[in-house]
């Protein structure tokens, strides 16, 4: 069984606001469900929040949701949203 999914994530824009908050707008493709998506994730401090990555509110497959969360956390830790 092949569990490899070809998820795609593209950062469209980001905006930093006060109080260590950063909004990141993304588009992508959920390789498991075969659906395109768009959404926004908010970083408060170093933690990401938003329906797109929330386990109970996200419309993404679980593998894609984890991919998006992990990818954005990596980009954030690398200073890509400065």
N, C-alpha and C. Protein backbone atom coordinates (compact mmCIF):
# COMPACT_ATOMS: atom_id res chain seq x y z
N UNK A 1 0.85 -1.19 0.00
CA UNK A 1 0.00 0.00 0.00
C UNK A 1 0.89 1.24 0.00
N UNK A 2 0.56 2.18 -0.84
CA UNK A 2 1.34 3.40 -0.97
C UNK A 2 0.65 4.53 -0.23
N UNK A 3 1.27 5.03 0.84
CA UNK A 3 0.67 6.10 1.65
C UNK A 3 1.21 7.48 1.28
N UNK A 4 1.89 7.59 0.15
CA UNK A 4 2.44 8.88 -0.26
C UNK A 4 1.33 9.71 -0.91
N UNK A 5 1.16 10.92 -0.41
CA UNK A 5 0.16 11.84 -0.96
C UNK A 5 0.90 13.05 -1.49
N UNK A 6 0.50 13.52 -2.63
CA UNK A 6 1.16 14.66 -3.24
C UNK A 6 0.44 15.95 -2.86
N UNK A 7 0.59 16.34 -1.61
CA UNK A 7 0.00 17.59 -1.14
C UNK A 7 0.85 18.75 -1.63
N UNK A 8 0.19 19.88 -1.89
CA UNK A 8 0.88 21.08 -2.35
C UNK A 8 0.43 22.25 -1.47
N UNK A 9 1.38 23.09 -1.08
CA UNK A 9 1.07 24.27 -0.29
C UNK A 9 1.85 25.46 -0.84
N UNK A 10 1.14 26.55 -1.11
CA UNK A 10 1.76 27.77 -1.60
C UNK A 10 1.33 28.93 -0.70
N UNK A 11 2.29 29.67 -0.20
CA UNK A 11 1.99 30.87 0.60
C UNK A 11 1.72 32.01 -0.37
N UNK A 12 0.55 32.59 -0.28
CA UNK A 12 0.15 33.70 -1.15
C UNK A 12 0.58 35.04 -0.57
N UNK A 13 0.39 35.20 0.73
CA UNK A 13 0.70 36.47 1.37
C UNK A 13 0.79 36.25 2.87
N UNK A 14 1.42 37.17 3.57
CA UNK A 14 1.43 37.17 5.02
C UNK A 14 1.49 38.60 5.51
N UNK A 15 0.99 38.78 6.74
CA UNK A 15 0.98 40.11 7.33
C UNK A 15 1.23 39.98 8.82
N UNK A 16 2.23 40.71 9.29
CA UNK A 16 2.51 40.74 10.72
C UNK A 16 1.76 41.91 11.33
N UNK A 17 1.19 41.65 12.50
CA UNK A 17 0.51 42.70 13.25
C UNK A 17 1.19 42.79 14.62
N UNK A 18 0.65 43.59 15.47
CA UNK A 18 1.23 43.73 16.80
C UNK A 18 1.09 42.48 17.64
N UNK A 19 1.72 42.48 18.76
CA UNK A 19 1.63 41.40 19.75
C UNK A 19 2.06 40.05 19.20
N UNK A 20 3.13 40.02 18.38
CA UNK A 20 3.69 38.78 17.85
C UNK A 20 2.65 37.92 17.12
N UNK A 21 1.83 38.57 16.29
CA UNK A 21 0.80 37.87 15.52
C UNK A 21 1.12 38.00 14.04
N UNK A 22 0.96 36.89 13.31
CA UNK A 22 1.22 36.87 11.88
C UNK A 22 0.12 36.07 11.19
N UNK A 23 -0.51 36.67 10.19
CA UNK A 23 -1.54 35.99 9.40
C UNK A 23 -0.91 35.52 8.09
N UNK A 24 -1.12 34.26 7.74
CA UNK A 24 -0.53 33.67 6.54
C UNK A 24 -1.66 33.14 5.66
N UNK A 25 -1.77 33.67 4.44
CA UNK A 25 -2.78 33.22 3.48
C UNK A 25 -2.15 32.19 2.55
N UNK A 26 -2.84 31.05 2.39
CA UNK A 26 -2.28 29.96 1.59
C UNK A 26 -3.32 29.41 0.60
N UNK A 27 -2.81 28.77 -0.44
CA UNK A 27 -3.61 27.94 -1.32
C UNK A 27 -2.88 26.61 -1.44
N UNK A 28 -3.59 25.60 -1.88
CA UNK A 28 -2.92 24.32 -2.01
C UNK A 28 -3.81 23.25 -2.62
N UNK A 29 -3.29 22.04 -2.56
CA UNK A 29 -4.00 20.89 -3.11
C UNK A 29 -3.85 19.73 -2.13
N UNK A 30 -4.99 19.17 -1.76
CA UNK A 30 -5.04 18.01 -0.87
C UNK A 30 -4.92 16.76 -1.73
N UNK A 31 -3.75 16.13 -1.73
CA UNK A 31 -3.49 14.98 -2.58
C UNK A 31 -4.31 13.76 -2.22
N UNK A 32 -4.80 13.68 -0.99
CA UNK A 32 -5.62 12.54 -0.57
C UNK A 32 -7.05 12.67 -1.06
N UNK A 33 -7.62 13.86 -0.92
CA UNK A 33 -9.02 14.05 -1.34
C UNK A 33 -9.13 14.51 -2.79
N UNK A 34 -8.02 15.00 -3.36
CA UNK A 34 -8.04 15.49 -4.74
C UNK A 34 -8.69 16.85 -4.89
N UNK A 35 -8.73 17.63 -3.81
CA UNK A 35 -9.40 18.93 -3.81
C UNK A 35 -8.41 20.07 -3.59
N UNK A 36 -8.63 21.16 -4.32
CA UNK A 36 -7.87 22.40 -4.08
C UNK A 36 -8.46 23.06 -2.83
N UNK A 37 -7.62 23.86 -2.16
CA UNK A 37 -8.10 24.58 -0.98
C UNK A 37 -7.41 25.92 -0.87
N UNK A 38 -8.00 26.78 -0.06
CA UNK A 38 -7.39 28.04 0.31
C UNK A 38 -7.81 28.35 1.73
N UNK A 39 -7.00 29.14 2.40
CA UNK A 39 -7.33 29.47 3.78
C UNK A 39 -6.29 30.37 4.40
N UNK A 40 -6.44 30.55 5.70
CA UNK A 40 -5.55 31.43 6.45
C UNK A 40 -5.21 30.78 7.78
N UNK A 41 -3.97 30.92 8.17
CA UNK A 41 -3.50 30.44 9.46
C UNK A 41 -2.91 31.62 10.20
N UNK A 42 -3.22 31.71 11.47
CA UNK A 42 -2.72 32.81 12.30
C UNK A 42 -1.69 32.25 13.26
N UNK A 43 -0.52 32.87 13.30
CA UNK A 43 0.50 32.53 14.28
C UNK A 43 0.41 33.54 15.41
N UNK A 44 0.27 33.04 16.62
CA UNK A 44 0.30 33.87 17.81
C UNK A 44 1.49 33.37 18.61
N UNK A 45 2.48 34.24 18.78
CA UNK A 45 3.75 33.77 19.32
C UNK A 45 4.36 32.84 18.29
N UNK A 46 4.60 31.62 18.66
CA UNK A 46 5.15 30.63 17.72
C UNK A 46 4.14 29.53 17.40
N UNK A 47 2.88 29.69 17.78
CA UNK A 47 1.88 28.64 17.60
C UNK A 47 0.88 28.99 16.49
N UNK A 48 0.58 28.02 15.61
CA UNK A 48 -0.39 28.27 14.53
C UNK A 48 -1.82 27.94 14.97
N UNK A 49 -2.76 28.75 14.49
CA UNK A 49 -4.18 28.55 14.78
C UNK A 49 -4.98 28.75 13.50
N UNK A 50 -6.15 28.17 13.45
CA UNK A 50 -7.06 28.40 12.34
C UNK A 50 -7.84 27.14 11.98
N UNK A 51 -9.03 27.34 11.40
CA UNK A 51 -9.87 26.22 11.01
C UNK A 51 -9.18 25.29 10.02
N UNK A 52 -8.33 25.84 9.18
CA UNK A 52 -7.66 25.04 8.16
C UNK A 52 -6.84 23.90 8.76
N UNK A 53 -6.25 24.13 9.93
CA UNK A 53 -5.41 23.10 10.54
C UNK A 53 -6.02 22.52 11.81
N UNK A 54 -7.23 22.92 12.15
CA UNK A 54 -7.90 22.41 13.36
C UNK A 54 -8.41 21.00 13.10
N UNK A 55 -8.10 20.04 13.98
CA UNK A 55 -8.49 18.64 13.75
C UNK A 55 -10.00 18.42 13.57
N UNK A 56 -10.83 19.23 14.20
CA UNK A 56 -12.27 19.01 14.13
C UNK A 56 -12.98 19.95 13.14
N UNK A 57 -12.35 21.04 12.74
CA UNK A 57 -13.02 22.02 11.87
C UNK A 57 -12.46 22.07 10.46
N UNK A 58 -11.34 21.43 10.23
CA UNK A 58 -10.71 21.48 8.91
C UNK A 58 -11.45 20.60 7.91
N UNK A 59 -11.54 21.07 6.67
CA UNK A 59 -12.13 20.27 5.59
C UNK A 59 -11.05 19.46 4.86
N UNK A 60 -9.79 19.61 5.29
CA UNK A 60 -8.69 18.87 4.68
C UNK A 60 -8.63 17.44 5.23
N UNK A 61 -8.05 16.55 4.44
CA UNK A 61 -7.79 15.20 4.94
C UNK A 61 -6.79 15.31 6.09
N UNK A 62 -6.75 14.32 6.95
CA UNK A 62 -5.85 14.39 8.11
C UNK A 62 -4.39 14.48 7.68
N UNK A 63 -4.01 13.78 6.61
CA UNK A 63 -2.61 13.84 6.17
C UNK A 63 -2.27 15.21 5.61
N UNK A 64 -3.20 15.82 4.91
CA UNK A 64 -2.94 17.15 4.35
C UNK A 64 -2.93 18.20 5.46
N UNK A 65 -3.82 18.08 6.42
CA UNK A 65 -3.86 19.02 7.54
C UNK A 65 -2.53 19.00 8.28
N UNK A 66 -2.00 17.81 8.53
CA UNK A 66 -0.69 17.68 9.20
C UNK A 66 0.43 18.25 8.33
N UNK A 67 0.35 17.99 7.03
CA UNK A 67 1.35 18.52 6.09
C UNK A 67 1.37 20.05 6.13
N UNK A 68 0.18 20.66 6.05
CA UNK A 68 0.08 22.12 6.07
C UNK A 68 0.62 22.67 7.38
N UNK A 69 0.21 22.09 8.49
CA UNK A 69 0.66 22.57 9.81
C UNK A 69 2.18 22.45 9.92
N UNK A 70 2.72 21.29 9.58
CA UNK A 70 4.17 21.07 9.69
C UNK A 70 4.95 21.99 8.77
N UNK A 71 4.46 22.15 7.53
CA UNK A 71 5.16 23.00 6.56
C UNK A 71 5.17 24.46 7.03
N UNK A 72 4.04 24.95 7.50
CA UNK A 72 3.98 26.34 7.96
C UNK A 72 4.83 26.55 9.22
N UNK A 73 4.82 25.58 10.13
CA UNK A 73 5.68 25.69 11.32
C UNK A 73 7.15 25.74 10.92
N UNK A 74 7.54 24.93 9.95
CA UNK A 74 8.92 24.94 9.48
C UNK A 74 9.27 26.30 8.87
N UNK A 75 8.40 26.79 7.98
CA UNK A 75 8.66 28.08 7.34
C UNK A 75 8.74 29.20 8.38
N UNK A 76 7.85 29.16 9.36
CA UNK A 76 7.84 30.17 10.41
C UNK A 76 9.14 30.12 11.21
N UNK A 77 9.58 28.91 11.56
CA UNK A 77 10.81 28.76 12.34
C UNK A 77 12.05 29.19 11.54
N UNK A 78 11.96 29.16 10.22
CA UNK A 78 13.06 29.59 9.37
C UNK A 78 13.04 31.09 9.07
N UNK A 79 12.05 31.80 9.63
CA UNK A 79 11.98 33.25 9.48
C UNK A 79 11.41 33.71 8.15
N UNK A 80 10.65 32.86 7.45
CA UNK A 80 10.11 33.23 6.15
C UNK A 80 8.98 34.24 6.22
N UNK A 81 8.45 34.48 7.40
CA UNK A 81 7.34 35.43 7.52
C UNK A 81 7.76 36.68 8.29
N UNK A 82 9.02 37.05 8.14
CA UNK A 82 9.55 38.26 8.82
C UNK A 82 9.36 39.47 7.94
